[in-house]
Amino acid sequence: PLMAPRGADFVLLGLYALLRLHGTLPFNRTDRGAVSPTGAVSIAVSFVTNTNWQWYSGEVAMSHLTQMLGLAVQNFVSAGVGFAVIIAIIRGIGRPEGRDRGDGRTLGNFWVDLTRSVVRILLPMSFLFALVLVSQGVVQNLDGGTPTEFVDPAAAEAAGVDGQTIPGGPVASQVAIKQLGSNGGGFYNANSAHPFESPSGLTNLLELWSVLVIPFALVVSFGILIDNRRQARLLMAVMASVLVVMSGWAI
């Protein structure tokens, strides 16, 4: 019982330190300075608790190291925690009342489930999905920025703008786990509405699919683990109905 809170404390302090020190650490091609103390606390608490709330623009506030080692890692861990919790709930539902597996551990081991979720599901899927996104033009590099010409140089000159730089960085690798883990906290402040995160209709469709695939797969897992796939089909029908109705309303 004491290990999870202590682990979260260490992660929270580590992420806070990274945010405060990334200006002096490697992989800071854009020369980003330290995040303010209050801002670092907000970001660290937000990502460790799976809130993933962004008050900042990632491309102008974060170093590549912070994006990779800090924020992207928490996107994996927070999604893995969600896996562990839902699997424990399913085990509890499927366990006959008043009975356990004989070893007193009726709901499984949190750390085992967390590790398996990250290593066996989230990492392989994110790796493959990131490659697909890169193939479609999503940014993925360790550069600071790429100077580019204006579409209308005359208009830019009239506006007094000297140049334009496309911000680079490890974008596709972060978008992959952001979408698959249903996280916030994208590389750019507009997240997947940004053309560098989703440059085409195909990438937009794939990223929408990636948000849905794991939640629906967990419903299938629910039916398998409780040995009642009829219930799983019913839950999936309800979820799909809500998705269709709410999407239609939003559109």
C-alpha atoms as a PDB file:
ATOM      1  CA  PRO A   1       0.000   0.000   0.000  1.00  0.00           C
ATOM      2  CA  LEU A   2       2.861   2.416   0.678  1.00  0.00           C
ATOM      3  CA  MET A   3       4.798   1.753  -2.519  1.00  0.00           C
ATOM      4  CA  ALA A   4       2.449   3.458  -4.972  1.00  0.00           C
ATOM      5  CA  PRO A   5       2.314   6.832  -3.149  1.00  0.00           C
ATOM      6  CA  ARG A   6       6.080   6.820  -2.628  1.00  0.00           C
ATOM      7  CA  GLY A   7       6.678   5.978  -6.280  1.00  0.00           C
ATOM      8  CA  ALA A   8       4.372   8.798  -7.362  1.00  0.00           C
ATOM      9  CA  ASP A   9       6.222  11.219  -5.088  1.00  0.00           C
ATOM     10  CA  PHE A  10       9.590  10.343  -6.643  1.00  0.00           C
ATOM     11  CA  VAL A  11       8.184  10.690 -10.162  1.00  0.00           C
ATOM     12  CA  LEU A  12       6.571  14.012  -9.276  1.00  0.00           C
ATOM     13  CA  LEU A  13       9.815  15.415  -7.862  1.00  0.00           C
ATOM     14  CA  GLY A  14      11.837  14.057 -10.782  1.00  0.00           C
ATOM     15  CA  LEU A  15       9.564  15.673 -13.357  1.00  0.00           C
ATOM     16  CA  TYR A  16       9.585  18.954 -11.433  1.00  0.00           C
ATOM     17  CA  ALA A  17      13.394  18.911 -11.354  1.00  0.00           C
ATOM     18  CA  LEU A  18      13.566  18.188 -15.080  1.00  0.00           C
ATOM     19  CA  LEU A  19      11.274  21.114 -15.861  1.00  0.00           C
ATOM     20  CA  ARG A  20      13.354  23.437 -13.707  1.00  0.00           C
ATOM     21  CA  LEU A  21      16.733  22.273 -15.039  1.00  0.00           C
ATOM     22  CA  HIS A  22      16.144  21.437 -18.705  1.00  0.00           C
ATOM     23  CA  GLY A  23      17.746  24.721 -19.766  1.00  0.00           C
ATOM     24  CA  THR A  24      21.128  23.322 -18.704  1.00  0.00           C
ATOM     25  CA  LEU A  25      20.595  19.741 -19.878  1.00  0.00           C
ATOM     26  CA  PRO A  26      21.231  18.063 -23.265  1.00  0.00           C
ATOM     27  CA  PHE A  27      18.736  17.871 -26.144  1.00  0.00           C
ATOM     28  CA  ASN A  28      17.791  21.508 -25.798  1.00  0.00           C
ATOM     29  CA  ARG A  29      18.332  22.596 -29.393  1.00  0.00           C
ATOM     30  CA  THR A  30      15.857  25.454 -29.047  1.00  0.00           C
ATOM     31  CA  ASP A  31      17.556  26.904 -25.926  1.00  0.00           C
ATOM     32  CA  ARG A  32      14.469  26.772 -23.748  1.00  0.00           C
ATOM     33  CA  GLY A  33      14.906  28.190 -20.285  1.00  0.00           C
ATOM     34  CA  ALA A  34      13.652  26.766 -17.013  1.00  0.00           C
ATOM     35  CA  VAL A  35       9.930  26.622 -16.379  1.00  0.00           C
ATOM     36  CA  SER A  36       8.834  28.828 -13.468  1.00  0.00           C
ATOM     37  CA  PRO A  37       8.447  27.100 -10.068  1.00  0.00           C
ATOM     38  CA  THR A  38       4.658  27.382 -10.031  1.00  0.00           C
ATOM     39  CA  GLY A  39       4.424  26.361 -13.679  1.00  0.00           C
ATOM     40  CA  ALA A  40       6.635  23.322 -13.078  1.00  0.00           C
ATOM     41  CA  VAL A  41       4.492  22.225 -10.127  1.00  0.00           C
ATOM     42  CA  SER A  42       1.355  22.552 -12.257  1.00  0.00           C
ATOM     43  CA  ILE A  43       2.809  20.527 -15.126  1.00  0.00           C
ATOM     44  CA  ALA A  44       4.300  17.820 -12.891  1.00  0.00           C
ATOM     45  CA  VAL A  45       1.105  17.288 -10.904  1.00  0.00           C
ATOM     46  CA  SER A  46      -1.000  17.408 -14.061  1.00  0.00           C
ATOM     47  CA  PHE A  47       0.962  14.740 -15.945  1.00  0.00           C
ATOM     48  CA  VAL A  48       1.575  12.429 -12.987  1.00  0.00           C
ATOM     49  CA  THR A  49      -2.149  12.396 -12.153  1.00  0.00           C
ATOM     50  CA  ASN A  50      -3.184  11.792 -15.790  1.00  0.00           C
ATOM     51  CA  THR A  51      -4.818  15.215 -16.057  1.00  0.00           C
ATOM     52  CA  ASN A  52      -2.424  16.278 -18.855  1.00  0.00           C
ATOM     53  CA  TRP A  53      -3.566  19.870 -18.728  1.00  0.00           C
ATOM     54  CA  GLN A  54      -1.444  22.282 -20.774  1.00  0.00           C
ATOM     55  CA  TRP A  55      -1.223  25.955 -19.931  1.00  0.00           C
ATOM     56  CA  TYR A  56       1.871  26.315 -22.137  1.00  0.00           C
ATOM     57  CA  SER A  57       2.768  25.897 -25.791  1.00  0.00           C
ATOM     58  CA  GLY A  58       5.059  22.873 -25.910  1.00  0.00           C
ATOM     59  CA  GLU A  59       7.080  24.002 -28.905  1.00  0.00           C
ATOM     60  CA  VAL A  60       8.090  27.277 -27.216  1.00  0.00           C
ATOM     61  CA  ALA A  61       8.399  26.142 -23.577  1.00  0.00           C
ATOM     62  CA  MET A  62       9.833  22.607 -23.513  1.00  0.00           C
ATOM     63  CA  SER A  63      13.192  21.140 -24.470  1.00  0.00           C
ATOM     64  CA  HIS A  64      13.283  17.934 -26.479  1.00  0.00           C
ATOM     65  CA  LEU A  65      14.596  16.107 -23.407  1.00  0.00           C
ATOM     66  CA  THR A  66      11.617  17.214 -21.320  1.00  0.00           C
ATOM     67  CA  GLN A  67       9.205  16.208 -24.055  1.00  0.00           C
ATOM     68  CA  MET A  68      10.768  12.734 -24.349  1.00  0.00           C
ATOM     69  CA  LEU A  69      11.948  11.863 -20.843  1.00  0.00           C
ATOM     70  CA  GLY A  70       9.340  13.785 -18.874  1.00  0.00           C
ATOM     71  CA  LEU A  71       6.010  14.281 -20.600  1.00  0.00           C
ATOM     72  CA  ALA A  72       5.951  11.348 -23.037  1.00  0.00           C
ATOM     73  CA  VAL A  73       7.005   8.931 -20.280  1.00  0.00           C
ATOM     74  CA  GLN A  74       4.147  10.105 -18.099  1.00  0.00           C
ATOM     75  CA  ASN A  75       1.761   9.569 -21.003  1.00  0.00           C
ATOM     76  CA  PHE A  76       2.848   5.924 -20.997  1.00  0.00           C
ATOM     77  CA  VAL A  77       2.686   5.498 -17.237  1.00  0.00           C
ATOM     78  CA  SER A  78      -0.664   7.208 -16.747  1.00  0.00           C
ATOM     79  CA  ALA A  79      -2.247   5.065 -19.466  1.00  0.00           C
ATOM     80  CA  GLY A  80      -0.649   1.980 -17.908  1.00  0.00           C
ATOM     81  CA  VAL A  81      -2.161   2.874 -14.544  1.00  0.00           C
ATOM     82  CA  GLY A  82      -5.551   3.061 -16.234  1.00  0.00           C
ATOM     83  CA  PHE A  83      -4.985  -0.434 -17.620  1.00  0.00           C
ATOM     84  CA  ALA A  84      -4.087  -1.798 -14.188  1.00  0.00           C
ATOM     85  CA  VAL A  85      -7.153  -0.247 -12.568  1.00  0.00           C
ATOM     86  CA  ILE A  86      -9.666  -1.464 -15.153  1.00  0.00           C
ATOM     87  CA  ILE A  87      -8.207  -4.986 -15.147  1.00  0.00           C
ATOM     88  CA  ALA A  88      -8.473  -5.060 -11.337  1.00  0.00           C
ATOM     89  CA  ILE A  89     -12.109  -3.971 -11.604  1.00  0.00           C
ATOM     90  CA  ILE A  90     -12.813  -6.680 -14.176  1.00  0.00           C
ATOM     91  CA  ARG A  91     -11.185  -9.301 -11.956  1.00  0.00           C
ATOM     92  CA  GLY A  92     -13.348  -8.128  -9.072  1.00  0.00           C
ATOM     93  CA  ILE A  93     -16.494  -8.390 -11.173  1.00  0.00           C
ATOM     94  CA  GLY A  94     -15.595 -11.837 -12.445  1.00  0.00           C
ATOM     95  CA  ARG A  95     -14.530 -13.283  -9.092  1.00  0.00           C
ATOM     96  CA  PRO A  96     -17.172 -15.432  -7.370  1.00  0.00           C
ATOM     97  CA  GLU A  97     -18.413 -13.670  -4.237  1.00  0.00           C
ATOM     98  CA  GLY A  98     -16.370 -14.458  -1.165  1.00  0.00           C
ATOM     99  CA  ARG A  99     -13.715 -16.389  -3.050  1.00  0.00           C
ATOM    100  CA  ASP A 100     -10.165 -15.621  -4.131  1.00  0.00           C
ATOM    101  CA  ARG A 101      -7.493 -17.409  -6.120  1.00  0.00           C
ATOM    102  CA  GLY A 102      -6.161 -19.192  -3.060  1.00  0.00           C
ATOM    103  CA  ASP A 103      -3.236 -16.848  -2.397  1.00  0.00           C
ATOM    104  CA  GLY A 104      -5.191 -13.940  -0.921  1.00  0.00           C
ATOM    105  CA  ARG A 105      -4.533 -11.688  -3.936  1.00  0.00           C
ATOM    106  CA  THR A 106      -7.966 -11.381  -5.421  1.00  0.00           C
ATOM    107  CA  LEU A 107      -7.359  -8.449  -7.772  1.00  0.00           C
ATOM    108  CA  GLY A 108      -3.816  -9.110  -9.004  1.00  0.00           C
ATOM    109  CA  ASN A 109      -0.589  -7.148  -8.605  1.00  0.00           C
ATOM    110  CA  PHE A 110      -0.618  -3.473  -9.597  1.00  0.00           C
ATOM    111  CA  TRP A 111       3.067  -3.299 -10.559  1.00  0.00           C
ATOM    112  CA  VAL A 112       2.876  -6.444 -12.690  1.00  0.00           C
ATOM    113  CA  ASP A 113      -0.190  -5.164 -14.516  1.00  0.00           C
ATOM    114  CA  LEU A 114       1.365  -1.722 -14.992  1.00  0.00           C
ATOM    115  CA  THR A 115       4.588  -3.193 -16.406  1.00  0.00           C
ATOM    116  CA  ARG A 116       2.784  -5.575 -18.735  1.00  0.00           C
ATOM    117  CA  SER A 117       0.497  -2.800 -19.987  1.00  0.00           C
ATOM    118  CA  VAL A 118       3.402  -0.535 -20.872  1.00  0.00           C
ATOM    119  CA  VAL A 119       5.868  -3.132 -22.205  1.00  0.00           C
ATOM    120  CA  ARG A 120       3.528  -5.510 -24.010  1.00  0.00           C
ATOM    121  CA  ILE A 121       0.822  -3.168 -25.307  1.00  0.00           C
ATOM    122  CA  LEU A 122       1.588   0.554 -25.220  1.00  0.00           C
ATOM    123  CA  LEU A 123       5.246   0.522 -26.289  1.00  0.00           C
ATOM    124  CA  PRO A 124       4.888  -1.824 -29.300  1.00  0.00           C
ATOM    125  CA  MET A 125       1.704  -0.122 -30.528  1.00  0.00           C
ATOM    126  CA  SER A 126       3.186   3.356 -30.076  1.00  0.00           C
ATOM    127  CA  PHE A 127       6.383   2.400 -31.906  1.00  0.00           C
ATOM    128  CA  LEU A 128       4.495   1.099 -34.930  1.00  0.00           C
ATOM    129  CA  PHE A 129       1.993   3.955 -34.917  1.00  0.00           C
ATOM    130  CA  ALA A 130       4.778   6.539 -34.717  1.00  0.00           C
ATOM    131  CA  LEU A 131       6.401   5.002 -37.814  1.00  0.00           C
ATOM    132  CA  VAL A 132       3.085   5.248 -39.664  1.00  0.00           C
ATOM    133  CA  LEU A 133       2.709   8.899 -38.657  1.00  0.00           C
ATOM    134  CA  VAL A 134       6.259   9.707 -39.782  1.00  0.00           C
ATOM    135  CA  SER A 135       5.552   8.069 -43.137  1.00  0.00           C
ATOM    136  CA  GLN A 136       2.624  10.458 -43.550  1.00  0.00           C
ATOM    137  CA  GLY A 137       4.630  13.585 -42.784  1.00  0.00           C
ATOM    138  CA  VAL A 138       4.346  14.093 -39.031  1.00  0.00           C
ATOM    139  CA  VAL A 139       7.468  15.812 -37.677  1.00  0.00           C
ATOM    140  CA  GLN A 140      10.035  13.555 -35.969  1.00  0.00           C
ATOM    141  CA  ASN A 141      13.587  14.787 -35.433  1.00  0.00           C
ATOM    142  CA  LEU A 142      15.907  16.286 -32.842  1.00  0.00           C
ATOM    143  CA  ASP A 143      16.437  19.573 -34.677  1.00  0.00           C
ATOM    144  CA  GLY A 144      15.712  22.963 -33.254  1.00  0.00           C
ATOM    145  CA  GLY A 145      13.867  24.418 -36.222  1.00  0.00           C
ATOM    146  CA  THR A 146      13.870  24.561 -39.999  1.00  0.00           C
ATOM    147  CA  PRO A 147      13.932  27.970 -41.717  1.00  0.00           C
ATOM    148  CA  THR A 148      11.499  28.171 -44.603  1.00  0.00           C
ATOM    149  CA  GLU A 149      10.402  30.640 -47.232  1.00  0.00           C
ATOM    150  CA  PHE A 150       7.080  32.421 -47.119  1.00  0.00           C
ATOM    151  CA  VAL A 151       4.347  31.535 -49.556  1.00  0.00           C
ATOM    152  CA  ASP A 152       3.888  35.261 -50.196  1.00  0.00           C
ATOM    153  CA  PRO A 153       7.251  37.013 -49.593  1.00  0.00           C
ATOM    154  CA  ALA A 154       5.828  40.401 -50.565  1.00  0.00           C
ATOM    155  CA  ALA A 155       3.098  40.204 -47.940  1.00  0.00           C
ATOM    156  CA  ALA A 156       5.608  39.110 -45.309  1.00  0.00           C
ATOM    157  CA  GLU A 157       7.891  42.002 -46.181  1.00  0.00           C
ATOM    158  CA  ALA A 158       4.988  44.432 -46.000  1.00  0.00           C
ATOM    159  CA  ALA A 159       4.121  43.067 -42.563  1.00  0.00           C
ATOM    160  CA  GLY A 160       7.712  43.530 -41.407  1.00  0.00           C
ATOM    161  CA  VAL A 161       8.321  39.805 -40.815  1.00  0.00           C
ATOM    162  CA  ASP A 162      11.895  38.738 -41.498  1.00  0.00           C
ATOM    163  CA  GLY A 163      11.664  34.959 -41.482  1.00  0.00           C
ATOM    164  CA  GLN A 164       9.735  31.867 -40.493  1.00  0.00           C
ATOM    165  CA  THR A 165      10.921  28.740 -38.718  1.00  0.00           C
ATOM    166  CA  ILE A 166       9.117  25.401 -38.536  1.00  0.00           C
ATOM    167  CA  PRO A 167       9.640  24.022 -35.007  1.00  0.00           C
ATOM    168  CA  GLY A 168      11.045  20.500 -34.997  1.00  0.00           C
ATOM    169  CA  GLY A 169      11.330  17.805 -32.380  1.00  0.00           C
ATOM    170  CA  PRO A 170      10.234  14.281 -31.407  1.00  0.00           C
ATOM    171  CA  VAL A 171       6.616  14.904 -32.355  1.00  0.00           C
ATOM    172  CA  ALA A 172       5.336  11.648 -33.899  1.00  0.00           C
ATOM    173  CA  SER A 173       6.626   9.543 -31.004  1.00  0.00           C
ATOM    174  CA  GLN A 174       4.702  11.699 -28.545  1.00  0.00           C
ATOM    175  CA  VAL A 175       1.560  11.924 -30.674  1.00  0.00           C
ATOM    176  CA  ALA A 176       1.418   8.113 -30.842  1.00  0.00           C
ATOM    177  CA  ILE A 177       1.212   7.559 -27.085  1.00  0.00           C
ATOM    178  CA  LYS A 178      -0.868  10.688 -26.596  1.00  0.00           C
ATOM    179  CA  GLN A 179      -3.551   9.241 -28.836  1.00  0.00           C
ATOM    180  CA  LEU A 180      -3.277   5.561 -27.891  1.00  0.00           C
ATOM    181  CA  GLY A 181      -3.302   6.410 -24.188  1.00  0.00           C
ATOM    182  CA  SER A 182      -6.141   8.944 -24.542  1.00  0.00           C
ATOM    183  CA  ASN A 183      -3.846  11.561 -23.027  1.00  0.00           C
ATOM    184  CA  GLY A 184      -3.615  15.286 -23.430  1.00  0.00           C
ATOM    185  CA  GLY A 185      -0.259  16.981 -23.440  1.00  0.00           C
ATOM    186  CA  GLY A 186       0.704  17.186 -27.091  1.00  0.00           C
ATOM    187  CA  PHE A 187       3.909  18.553 -28.570  1.00  0.00           C
ATOM    188  CA  TYR A 188       2.158  21.622 -29.948  1.00  0.00           C
ATOM    189  CA  ASN A 189      -0.388  23.584 -28.005  1.00  0.00           C
ATOM    190  CA  ALA A 190      -3.150  22.820 -30.508  1.00  0.00           C
ATOM    191  CA  ASN A 191      -2.376  19.097 -30.157  1.00  0.00           C
ATOM    192  CA  SER A 192      -3.683  16.968 -33.036  1.00  0.00           C
ATOM    193  CA  ALA A 193      -5.474  19.915 -34.611  1.00  0.00           C
ATOM    194  CA  HIS A 194      -1.989  21.166 -35.551  1.00  0.00           C
ATOM    195  CA  PRO A 195      -0.876  20.300 -39.114  1.00  0.00           C
ATOM    196  CA  PHE A 196       2.552  19.156 -37.887  1.00  0.00           C
ATOM    197  CA  GLU A 197       0.823  16.551 -35.703  1.00  0.00           C
ATOM    198  CA  SER A 198      -1.856  15.574 -38.201  1.00  0.00           C
ATOM    199  CA  PRO A 199      -1.027  16.776 -41.717  1.00  0.00           C
ATOM    200  CA  SER A 200      -3.740  14.971 -43.698  1.00  0.00           C
ATOM    201  CA  GLY A 201      -7.181  13.439 -43.605  1.00  0.00           C
ATOM    202  CA  LEU A 202      -5.613  10.000 -43.320  1.00  0.00           C
ATOM    203  CA  THR A 203      -3.551  10.880 -40.246  1.00  0.00           C
ATOM    204  CA  ASN A 204      -6.613  12.476 -38.694  1.00  0.00           C
ATOM    205  CA  LEU A 205      -8.617   9.282 -39.261  1.00  0.00           C
ATOM    206  CA  LEU A 206      -5.790   7.129 -37.870  1.00  0.00           C
ATOM    207  CA  GLU A 207      -5.440   9.304 -34.787  1.00  0.00           C
ATOM    208  CA  LEU A 208      -9.182   9.118 -34.146  1.00  0.00           C
ATOM    209  CA  TRP A 209      -8.963   5.337 -34.484  1.00  0.00           C
ATOM    210  CA  SER A 210      -6.040   5.218 -32.062  1.00  0.00           C
ATOM    211  CA  VAL A 211      -8.069   6.965 -29.363  1.00  0.00           C
ATOM    212  CA  LEU A 212     -10.838   4.363 -29.659  1.00  0.00           C
ATOM    213  CA  VAL A 213      -8.999   1.091 -30.253  1.00  0.00           C
ATOM    214  CA  ILE A 214      -7.807   0.366 -26.702  1.00  0.00           C
ATOM    215  CA  PRO A 215     -11.053   1.293 -24.880  1.00  0.00           C
ATOM    216  CA  PHE A 216     -13.007  -0.987 -27.214  1.00  0.00           C
ATOM    217  CA  ALA A 217     -10.371  -3.728 -26.869  1.00  0.00           C
ATOM    218  CA  LEU A 218     -10.752  -3.558 -23.099  1.00  0.00           C
ATOM    219  CA  VAL A 219     -14.454  -4.267 -23.484  1.00  0.00           C
ATOM    220  CA  VAL A 220     -13.528  -7.408 -25.419  1.00  0.00           C
ATOM    221  CA  SER A 221     -11.088  -8.267 -22.607  1.00  0.00           C
ATOM    222  CA  PHE A 222     -13.904  -7.801 -20.119  1.00  0.00           C
ATOM    223  CA  GLY A 223     -16.010 -10.418 -21.892  1.00  0.00           C
ATOM    224  CA  ILE A 224     -13.096 -12.869 -22.032  1.00  0.00           C
ATOM    225  CA  LEU A 225     -12.035 -12.448 -18.396  1.00  0.00           C
ATOM    226  CA  ILE A 226     -15.546 -12.854 -16.953  1.00  0.00           C
ATOM    227  CA  ASP A 227     -16.307 -15.597 -19.493  1.00  0.00           C
ATOM    228  CA  ASN A 228     -19.398 -13.791 -20.755  1.00  0.00           C
ATOM    229  CA  ARG A 229     -18.878 -12.276 -24.196  1.00  0.00           C
ATOM    230  CA  ARG A 230     -22.548 -11.445 -24.506  1.00  0.00           C
ATOM    231  CA  GLN A 231     -22.140  -8.782 -21.838  1.00  0.00           C
ATOM    232  CA  ALA A 232     -19.123  -7.410 -23.692  1.00  0.00           C
ATOM    233  CA  ARG A 233     -21.093  -7.160 -26.931  1.00  0.00           C
ATOM    234  CA  LEU A 234     -23.876  -5.331 -25.124  1.00  0.00           C
ATOM    235  CA  LEU A 235     -21.416  -2.856 -23.560  1.00  0.00           C
ATOM    236  CA  MET A 236     -19.748  -2.284 -26.923  1.00  0.00           C
ATOM    237  CA  ALA A 237     -23.126  -1.602 -28.548  1.00  0.00           C
ATOM    238  CA  VAL A 238     -23.925   0.950 -25.850  1.00  0.00           C
ATOM    239  CA  MET A 239     -20.524   2.626 -26.236  1.00  0.00           C
ATOM    240  CA  ALA A 240     -20.843   2.745 -30.019  1.00  0.00           C
ATOM    241  CA  SER A 241     -24.361   4.199 -29.765  1.00  0.00           C
ATOM    242  CA  VAL A 242     -23.216   6.950 -27.410  1.00  0.00           C
ATOM    243  CA  LEU A 243     -20.242   7.704 -29.684  1.00  0.00           C
ATOM    244  CA  VAL A 244     -22.419   7.962 -32.801  1.00  0.00           C
ATOM    245  CA  VAL A 245     -25.108  10.075 -31.147  1.00  0.00           C
ATOM    246  CA  MET A 246     -22.706  12.487 -29.465  1.00  0.00           C
ATOM    247  CA  SER A 247     -20.523  12.786 -32.582  1.00  0.00           C
ATOM    248  CA  GLY A 248     -23.585  13.571 -34.670  1.00  0.00           C
ATOM    249  CA  TRP A 249     -24.688  16.184 -32.153  1.00  0.00           C
ATOM    250  CA  ALA A 250     -21.235  17.775 -32.084  1.00  0.00           C
ATOM    251  CA  ILE A 251     -20.992  17.842 -35.879  1.00  0.00           C
END
